[in-house]
Amino acid sequence: MERSAVRLPPDVTPPFDVYVNGVPQQEGTDYERRGRVLVFHQALAQEGKLGFGRWLLGAFGIGTYRAHHSVDVRYTLPDGRPMVAENLPVEPRA
């Protein structure tokens, strides 16, 4: 089963909310927390840098699309300020 992992930024502390493409995720159902890493029960993909070939196609008006999952975490700082860590990097995990 393919999985994906996301490392939490240093200032994120529980409680926090996790979203994939704007959809709320549930701990235990959609992901597990292992220390400062969230391990998702599905493979998530993020589009890398645009290569020359895809750029060239785009220059001629030919679109190319790849899967891209945006992982966001909403949390509150100790002083009460609400924060959002957006589009966190996704790592493959076996």
Protein backbone atom coordinates (compact mmCIF):
# COMPACT_ATOMS: atom_id res chain seq x y z
CA MET A 1 0.00 0.00 0.00
CA GLU A 2 1.46 3.33 -1.06
CA ARG A 3 1.50 6.08 1.53
CA SER A 4 2.74 9.64 1.75
CA ALA A 5 4.26 11.65 4.57
CA VAL A 6 4.26 15.34 5.45
CA ARG A 7 6.56 16.88 8.06
CA LEU A 8 4.94 19.45 10.33
CA PRO A 9 6.61 22.86 10.60
CA PRO A 10 8.30 23.48 13.97
CA ASP A 11 5.66 25.92 15.28
CA VAL A 12 2.71 23.54 14.71
CA THR A 13 1.44 22.04 17.97
CA PRO A 14 -1.79 20.17 18.68
CA PRO A 15 -4.61 20.76 18.26
CA PHE A 16 -4.50 21.37 14.53
CA ASP A 17 -6.66 20.66 11.48
CA VAL A 18 -5.38 18.96 8.32
CA TYR A 19 -6.74 19.53 4.80
CA VAL A 20 -5.90 17.91 1.45
CA ASN A 21 -7.07 20.05 -1.47
CA GLY A 22 -9.32 21.92 0.97
CA VAL A 23 -11.04 18.76 2.24
CA PRO A 24 -10.79 18.14 6.02
CA GLN A 25 -8.87 14.97 6.95
CA GLN A 26 -9.49 12.87 10.05
CA GLU A 27 -6.67 11.49 12.18
CA GLY A 28 -6.92 7.70 12.30
CA THR A 29 -9.08 7.52 9.17
CA ASP A 30 -7.10 9.53 6.63
CA TYR A 31 -3.71 9.86 8.31
CA GLU A 32 -1.69 8.88 11.37
CA ARG A 33 0.51 11.19 13.39
CA ARG A 34 4.00 9.85 14.11
CA GLY A 35 5.80 12.49 16.10
CA ARG A 36 6.19 15.50 13.80
CA VAL A 37 5.22 13.54 10.68
CA LEU A 38 1.75 12.95 9.27
CA VAL A 39 1.52 9.64 7.39
CA PHE A 40 -1.38 9.56 4.94
CA HIS A 41 -3.11 6.29 4.06
CA GLN A 42 -2.98 7.17 0.36
CA ALA A 43 -0.36 8.22 -2.13
CA LEU A 44 -0.33 11.99 -2.56
CA ALA A 45 1.38 13.65 -5.50
CA GLN A 46 2.83 17.10 -5.98
CA GLU A 47 3.73 18.53 -9.34
CA GLY A 48 7.42 19.34 -9.57
CA LYS A 49 9.10 22.08 -11.51
CA LEU A 50 7.91 22.69 -15.04
CA GLY A 51 10.33 21.07 -17.48
CA PHE A 52 11.28 22.55 -20.84
CA GLY A 53 9.05 20.16 -22.82
CA ARG A 54 5.94 20.99 -20.81
CA TRP A 55 6.83 24.68 -20.89
CA LEU A 56 7.16 24.54 -24.68
CA LEU A 57 3.78 22.84 -25.04
CA GLY A 58 2.25 25.50 -22.81
CA ALA A 59 3.78 28.24 -24.95
CA PHE A 60 1.80 26.84 -27.89
CA GLY A 61 -1.40 26.72 -25.86
CA ILE A 62 -1.33 22.98 -25.23
CA GLY A 63 -2.06 22.30 -21.57
CA THR A 64 -0.60 19.40 -19.63
CA TYR A 65 -1.88 18.42 -16.23
CA ARG A 66 -0.50 16.28 -13.45
CA ALA A 67 -1.91 15.30 -10.11
CA HIS A 68 -1.17 17.80 -7.35
CA HIS A 69 -2.33 17.43 -3.77
CA SER A 70 -2.07 20.48 -1.55
CA VAL A 71 -1.67 19.64 2.15
CA ASP A 72 -2.51 22.48 4.54
CA VAL A 73 -2.47 22.55 8.34
CA ARG A 74 -4.47 25.08 10.36
CA TYR A 75 -3.24 25.70 13.90
CA THR A 76 -3.06 28.35 16.62
CA LEU A 77 0.13 29.87 18.05
CA PRO A 78 0.52 30.01 21.84
CA ASP A 79 -0.32 33.75 21.76
CA GLY A 80 -3.68 32.91 20.15
CA ARG A 81 -2.92 33.92 16.55
CA PRO A 82 -4.47 31.57 13.99
CA MET A 83 -2.02 30.30 11.35
CA VAL A 84 -2.09 28.12 8.23
CA ALA A 85 0.88 26.17 6.88
CA GLU A 86 0.07 25.87 3.17
CA ASN A 87 1.10 23.43 0.47
CA LEU A 88 3.46 21.44 2.68
CA PRO A 89 5.97 19.20 0.85
CA VAL A 90 4.84 15.60 0.37
CA GLU A 91 7.29 12.69 0.62
CA PRO A 92 6.61 9.14 -0.59
CA ARG A 93 6.48 6.56 2.19
CA ALA A 94 6.27 2.76 1.90
